[in-house]
Amino acid sequence: MSNPLPYLDALGITPWQRRDKPLSSAATHLEEPAPVVAAEAPSTTATALPTSVSHPQNETPVSTLVAPPLKTHFQEEMPALDAPPDYLNIPDTAFDDRFEPLLPEDDEPYVPEPMLDPKQVRAQNIQQLDWAGLQKTVEDCRDCALHTHRTQTVFGVGAVPARWLIVGEAPGHDEDLQGEPFVGRAGQLLNAMLQAVGVKREQVYIANTVKCRPPQNRNPEALEMETCAPYLQRQIALIQPQLIVLIGRVAVQQILHSEEAIGRLRGTLHQHAETGTPVIVSYHPAYLLRRPTEKAKTWLDLQLAYRTVTPLK
């Protein structure tokens, strides 16, 4: 083949040439590429790698070649910022002044207020009632299971205010039907006992520890007495008695918070813890109907009550 260099020069194509043997215009032909020889299988014998590699003269070592940096879309030119944005120039005091009302005044940890006991809230609300509001609240009460057995509530009867407050145990069958305490045989005996010391029923106030009749005339349970206790406490505050006469073991447990037998508590003056009112303990008329021989002791108890506070206005 004739020398192709003039043709390549005419076409403006620069042929590749080796640096150690540059092609001249006098060359008659291009070097033929070396024939492709199949690679021999690698030997299993380990061959030591040369410690250095020599490079042909005038050929730039591979290690000295520096590739131009790749340019990606992340490397687009960004305008230089002469000054930081305005929001970075806000002084710290501006943030302090803005949020200072939200910060606590001291470093003490926040302690939430304790939650009020619902029973205490209920008792406090009852203590704010007047007489009419208290009576209406008792009539509508559904706070314990006794309301499911009652015909009606038994709020109390008598003078308001009164010097004597007589507190019995719980309404019975007759009281549940009439809505008034001590109207059966026990009530008739109580009226006779009061008349013996010259006192009429209308001159005192008579109430019970609970306002609903327990089933089968059983004694009221602790939870039932606890539920009704604020009602009786409010009655005491509104009646303002000068003497409280407790008749029966349940009344003693409610007012004096004592488990002592009546025989040990009667014959002496006690005191109502909340008001300081004198308290006298005696037997329940229903007990006297079963034990008539104990009536003489009750007579002594009424005489003590009369000497302590005259029940007449």
Protein backbone atom coordinates (compact mmCIF):
# COMPACT_ATOMS: atom_id res chain seq x y z
CA MET A 1 0.00 0.00 0.00
CA SER A 2 1.32 3.45 -0.86
CA ASN A 3 2.03 5.99 1.84
CA PRO A 4 -1.35 7.08 3.29
CA LEU A 5 -0.01 10.05 5.19
CA PRO A 6 -0.59 12.59 2.41
CA TYR A 7 -4.21 11.49 2.18
CA LEU A 8 -4.69 11.71 5.96
CA ASP A 9 -3.06 15.12 6.00
CA ALA A 10 -5.38 16.25 3.26
CA LEU A 11 -8.36 15.06 5.28
CA GLY A 12 -7.05 16.79 8.39
CA ILE A 13 -6.59 13.52 10.30
CA THR A 14 -3.61 13.17 12.53
CA PRO A 15 -2.60 9.51 12.75
CA TRP A 16 -1.61 7.93 16.06
CA GLN A 17 2.06 7.39 16.43
CA ARG A 18 4.41 6.09 19.02
CA ARG A 19 6.49 8.60 20.88
CA ASP A 20 9.61 6.53 20.73
CA LYS A 21 9.28 5.90 16.96
CA PRO A 22 7.43 8.78 15.34
CA LEU A 23 6.19 8.21 11.81
CA SER A 24 7.78 10.23 9.07
CA SER A 25 6.46 11.24 5.76
CA ALA A 26 8.97 8.85 4.20
CA ALA A 27 7.35 5.80 5.71
CA THR A 28 6.01 3.46 3.10
CA HIS A 29 3.41 1.68 5.21
CA LEU A 30 1.79 1.57 8.64
CA GLU A 31 2.86 -1.07 11.05
CA GLU A 32 0.58 -4.00 10.97
CA PRO A 33 -1.07 -4.78 14.29
CA ALA A 34 0.39 -7.70 16.11
CA PRO A 35 -1.50 -10.95 15.69
CA VAL A 36 -3.78 -11.90 18.54
CA VAL A 37 -2.36 -14.82 20.48
CA ALA A 38 -4.45 -16.80 22.91
CA ALA A 39 -3.38 -16.21 26.49
CA GLU A 40 -1.71 -19.08 28.17
CA ALA A 41 -3.24 -20.60 31.25
CA PRO A 42 -1.81 -19.06 34.40
CA SER A 43 0.94 -21.05 35.97
CA THR A 44 0.39 -22.49 39.36
CA THR A 45 3.92 -21.63 40.30
CA ALA A 46 4.07 -18.41 42.25
CA THR A 47 6.04 -15.70 40.50
CA ALA A 48 7.57 -12.83 42.42
CA LEU A 49 6.33 -9.43 41.37
CA PRO A 50 8.95 -6.98 40.24
CA THR A 51 9.84 -4.32 42.74
CA SER A 52 9.95 -1.66 40.04
CA VAL A 53 8.68 -1.21 36.52
CA SER A 54 10.79 0.47 33.92
CA HIS A 55 9.23 2.73 31.35
CA PRO A 56 10.33 3.24 27.80
CA GLN A 57 12.27 6.42 27.09
CA ASN A 58 10.12 9.49 26.41
CA GLU A 59 6.94 7.65 27.59
CA THR A 60 5.02 9.21 30.48
CA PRO A 61 4.50 6.78 33.38
CA VAL A 62 0.91 5.78 34.03
CA SER A 63 1.14 6.87 37.65
CA THR A 64 1.89 10.45 36.55
CA LEU A 65 -1.19 10.77 34.32
CA VAL A 66 -3.87 12.91 35.96
CA ALA A 67 -7.40 12.51 34.68
CA PRO A 68 -9.44 15.70 34.42
CA PRO A 69 -12.10 15.96 37.19
CA LEU A 70 -15.56 14.75 36.30
CA LYS A 71 -18.14 17.46 36.36
CA THR A 72 -21.57 16.53 37.68
CA HIS A 73 -24.78 18.45 38.09
CA PHE A 74 -23.88 18.93 41.77
CA GLN A 75 -20.89 21.00 40.77
CA GLU A 76 -22.75 23.74 39.05
CA GLU A 77 -21.36 27.09 39.75
CA MET A 78 -23.13 28.85 42.67
CA PRO A 79 -23.10 32.58 43.17
CA ALA A 80 -20.85 33.68 45.99
CA LEU A 81 -22.63 35.08 49.09
CA ASP A 82 -21.13 38.31 50.33
CA ALA A 83 -23.16 38.21 53.59
CA PRO A 84 -25.20 35.59 55.48
CA PRO A 85 -29.00 35.61 55.11
CA ASP A 86 -30.99 38.01 57.28
CA TYR A 87 -32.46 35.30 59.51
CA LEU A 88 -28.94 34.36 60.62
CA ASN A 89 -28.25 37.91 61.74
CA ILE A 90 -31.01 37.97 64.40
CA PRO A 91 -29.34 38.46 67.78
CA ASP A 92 -29.85 35.83 70.48
CA THR A 93 -31.59 38.32 72.74
CA ALA A 94 -34.42 38.60 70.25
CA PHE A 95 -35.20 34.90 70.67
CA ASP A 96 -34.85 35.17 74.46
CA ASP A 97 -37.28 38.07 74.62
CA ARG A 98 -39.72 36.31 72.36
CA PHE A 99 -39.88 33.03 74.28
CA GLU A 100 -39.16 34.27 77.79
CA PRO A 101 -42.85 34.18 78.87
CA LEU A 102 -42.94 30.47 78.01
CA LEU A 103 -39.96 29.63 80.23
CA PRO A 104 -40.24 28.97 83.98
CA GLU A 105 -39.00 31.68 86.29
CA ASP A 106 -36.70 29.27 88.08
CA ASP A 107 -35.00 25.97 87.41
CA GLU A 108 -37.27 23.91 89.64
CA PRO A 109 -38.94 20.98 87.86
CA TYR A 110 -42.61 21.29 87.00
CA VAL A 111 -44.80 19.46 89.47
CA PRO A 112 -48.44 18.99 88.39
CA GLU A 113 -51.17 19.73 90.88
CA PRO A 114 -52.49 16.60 92.58
CA MET A 115 -55.80 15.33 91.33
CA LEU A 116 -58.67 15.76 93.76
CA ASP A 117 -60.37 12.68 95.15
CA PRO A 118 -63.90 12.46 93.69
CA LYS A 119 -65.22 11.59 97.16
CA GLN A 120 -63.67 14.73 98.59
CA VAL A 121 -65.09 16.83 95.77
CA ARG A 122 -68.54 15.36 96.38
CA ALA A 123 -68.31 16.03 100.13
CA GLN A 124 -67.19 19.60 99.52
CA ASN A 125 -70.09 20.22 97.16
CA ILE A 126 -72.56 18.87 99.72
CA GLN A 127 -71.16 21.16 102.40
CA GLN A 128 -72.10 24.15 100.23
CA LEU A 129 -75.81 23.26 100.04
CA ASP A 130 -78.56 25.04 101.91
CA TRP A 131 -81.37 23.13 103.62
CA ALA A 132 -83.64 22.92 100.56
CA GLY A 133 -80.74 21.99 98.27
CA LEU A 134 -79.56 19.32 100.69
CA GLN A 135 -83.01 17.77 100.93
CA LYS A 136 -83.38 17.73 97.13
CA THR A 137 -79.92 16.17 96.72
CA VAL A 138 -80.81 13.39 99.14
CA GLU A 139 -84.06 12.69 97.31
CA ASP A 140 -82.18 12.31 94.01
CA CYS A 141 -79.21 10.41 95.42
CA ARG A 142 -78.09 7.31 93.48
CA ASP A 143 -74.56 7.11 94.88
CA CYS A 144 -74.87 3.70 96.55
CA ALA A 145 -76.84 0.50 96.00
CA LEU A 146 -79.43 1.29 98.70
CA HIS A 147 -81.40 3.46 96.31
CA THR A 148 -82.43 0.34 94.36
CA HIS A 149 -84.39 -1.01 97.37
CA ARG A 150 -86.04 2.11 98.75
CA THR A 151 -89.58 3.33 98.38
CA GLN A 152 -88.44 6.86 99.24
CA THR A 153 -85.62 8.55 101.12
CA VAL A 154 -85.92 9.37 104.82
CA PHE A 155 -84.34 12.77 105.27
CA GLY A 156 -85.37 13.62 108.83
CA VAL A 157 -88.00 15.48 110.82
CA GLY A 158 -88.15 18.13 113.55
CA ALA A 159 -87.15 21.69 114.37
CA VAL A 160 -84.42 23.59 112.48
CA PRO A 161 -82.44 24.80 114.28
CA ALA A 162 -82.78 22.54 117.30
CA ARG A 163 -80.91 22.15 120.58
CA TRP A 164 -81.09 18.35 120.47
CA LEU A 165 -80.22 16.24 117.47
CA ILE A 166 -81.20 12.58 117.85
CA VAL A 167 -79.45 10.26 115.41
CA GLY A 168 -80.74 6.72 114.86
CA GLU A 169 -79.40 3.88 112.74
CA ALA A 170 -81.27 3.29 109.45
CA PRO A 171 -84.87 3.53 108.23
CA GLY A 172 -87.04 0.46 108.72
CA HIS A 173 -90.09 -0.79 106.85
CA ASP A 174 -92.51 1.80 108.22
CA GLU A 175 -90.03 4.66 107.79
CA ASP A 176 -89.43 3.67 104.16
CA LEU A 177 -93.16 3.81 103.45
CA GLN A 178 -93.83 7.14 105.22
CA GLY A 179 -90.51 8.90 104.58
CA GLU A 180 -90.08 9.84 108.27
CA PRO A 181 -87.76 8.34 110.92
CA PHE A 182 -89.09 6.52 114.01
CA VAL A 183 -92.74 6.09 113.07
CA GLY A 184 -93.25 2.41 114.02
CA ARG A 185 -93.21 0.80 117.43
CA ALA A 186 -89.68 2.01 118.04
CA GLY A 187 -90.81 5.54 117.19
CA GLN A 188 -93.71 5.36 119.63
CA LEU A 189 -91.33 4.28 122.39
CA LEU A 190 -88.94 7.14 121.53
CA ASN A 191 -91.82 9.63 121.81
CA ALA A 192 -92.72 8.24 125.25
CA MET A 193 -89.09 8.50 126.40
CA LEU A 194 -88.91 12.17 125.33
CA GLN A 195 -92.21 12.98 127.04
CA ALA A 196 -90.85 11.46 130.25
CA VAL A 197 -88.32 14.31 130.45
CA GLY A 198 -90.82 16.93 129.29
CA VAL A 199 -89.70 17.12 125.66
CA LYS A 200 -91.98 16.98 122.62
CA ARG A 201 -90.95 15.34 119.38
CA GLU A 202 -91.37 18.63 117.51
CA GLN A 203 -88.79 20.35 119.74
CA VAL A 204 -85.86 18.18 118.59
CA TYR A 205 -84.59 17.04 115.23
CA ILE A 206 -84.50 13.30 114.45
CA ALA A 207 -82.39 11.81 111.66
CA ASN A 208 -80.67 8.57 110.69
CA THR A 209 -77.13 7.67 109.68
CA VAL A 210 -78.30 6.57 106.21
CA LYS A 211 -81.25 7.93 104.27
CA CYS A 212 -82.46 4.73 102.60
CA ARG A 213 -83.73 1.47 104.07
CA PRO A 214 -81.27 -1.46 103.79
CA PRO A 215 -82.78 -4.71 102.46
CA GLN A 216 -84.40 -6.92 105.10
CA ASN A 217 -83.70 -4.20 107.71
CA ARG A 218 -80.04 -5.25 107.92
CA ASN A 219 -77.41 -2.90 109.29
CA PRO A 220 -75.97 -0.52 106.69
CA GLU A 221 -72.59 -1.50 105.30
CA ALA A 222 -69.45 0.59 105.63
CA LEU A 223 -69.59 1.93 102.07
CA GLU A 224 -73.25 2.89 102.47
CA MET A 225 -72.51 4.73 105.71
CA GLU A 226 -69.54 6.48 104.11
CA THR A 227 -71.69 7.61 101.18
CA CYS A 228 -74.37 9.09 103.45
CA ALA A 229 -71.94 10.63 105.96
CA PRO A 230 -71.65 14.02 104.16
CA TYR A 231 -75.45 14.39 104.28
CA LEU A 232 -75.54 13.95 108.03
CA GLN A 233 -72.54 16.23 108.50
CA ARG A 234 -74.30 18.97 106.55
CA GLN A 235 -77.45 18.47 108.58
CA ILE A 236 -75.42 18.92 111.76
CA ALA A 237 -73.90 22.14 110.39
CA LEU A 238 -77.31 23.56 109.43
CA ILE A 239 -79.23 22.43 112.53
CA GLN A 240 -76.47 23.67 114.86
CA PRO A 241 -77.47 21.42 117.79
CA GLN A 242 -76.13 22.02 121.26
CA LEU A 243 -76.31 18.28 122.03
CA ILE A 244 -76.22 15.14 119.89
CA VAL A 245 -77.91 12.00 121.24
CA LEU A 246 -76.79 8.78 119.52
CA ILE A 247 -79.16 5.84 119.85
CA GLY A 248 -77.84 2.51 118.58
CA ARG A 249 -74.48 1.03 117.65
CA VAL A 250 -74.54 2.16 114.00
CA ALA A 251 -74.99 5.81 115.00
CA VAL A 252 -72.07 5.50 117.42
CA GLN A 253 -69.86 4.13 114.64
CA GLN A 254 -70.86 6.93 112.29
CA ILE A 255 -70.40 9.90 114.64
CA LEU A 256 -67.80 8.77 117.19
CA HIS A 257 -65.96 6.34 114.86
CA SER A 258 -65.83 3.84 117.71
CA GLU A 259 -66.38 0.09 117.87
CA GLU A 260 -66.88 0.10 121.62
CA ALA A 261 -70.08 -1.41 123.02
CA ILE A 262 -72.83 1.01 123.98
CA GLY A 263 -72.71 -0.30 127.58
CA ARG A 264 -69.17 1.07 127.87
CA LEU A 265 -69.87 4.39 126.14
CA ARG A 266 -73.12 5.41 127.79
CA GLY A 267 -73.27 7.40 131.02
CA THR A 268 -70.56 9.90 130.00
CA LEU A 269 -70.15 12.88 127.71
CA HIS A 270 -68.33 12.55 124.42
CA GLN A 271 -67.53 15.11 121.75
CA HIS A 272 -68.26 15.44 118.08
CA ALA A 273 -64.86 15.75 116.40
CA GLU A 274 -65.87 18.19 113.65
CA THR A 275 -67.91 20.68 115.72
CA GLY A 276 -66.99 19.97 119.34
CA THR A 277 -70.66 19.41 120.19
CA PRO A 278 -71.31 17.28 123.31
CA VAL A 279 -72.47 13.73 122.51
CA ILE A 280 -74.45 11.27 124.64
CA VAL A 281 -74.85 7.57 123.81
CA SER A 282 -77.90 5.43 124.62
CA TYR A 283 -79.71 2.27 123.52
CA HIS A 284 -81.92 2.12 120.45
CA PRO A 285 -85.69 1.87 121.14
CA ALA A 286 -85.86 -1.31 119.02
CA TYR A 287 -83.33 -2.88 121.39
CA LEU A 288 -85.42 -1.80 124.39
CA LEU A 289 -88.45 -3.51 122.90
CA ARG A 290 -86.47 -6.75 122.95
CA ARG A 291 -84.82 -6.04 126.33
CA PRO A 292 -87.35 -4.08 128.45
CA THR A 293 -85.13 -4.36 131.51
CA GLU A 294 -82.66 -1.92 129.91
CA LYS A 295 -85.22 0.92 129.85
CA ALA A 296 -84.05 2.17 133.22
CA LYS A 297 -80.57 2.81 131.81
CA THR A 298 -82.05 4.83 128.98
CA TRP A 299 -83.95 6.91 131.52
CA LEU A 300 -80.64 7.77 133.17
CA ASP A 301 -79.15 8.67 129.80
CA LEU A 302 -81.99 11.10 129.05
CA GLN A 303 -81.61 12.73 132.43
CA LEU A 304 -77.91 13.27 131.69
CA ALA A 305 -78.83 14.81 128.35
CA TYR A 306 -81.39 17.11 129.98
CA ARG A 307 -78.88 18.31 132.53
CA THR A 308 -76.30 18.96 129.83
CA VAL A 309 -78.53 20.94 127.48
CA THR A 310 -82.18 21.77 128.06
CA PRO A 311 -83.91 20.90 124.79
CA LEU A 312 -86.50 23.71 125.08
CA LYS A 313 -86.07 26.93 123.09
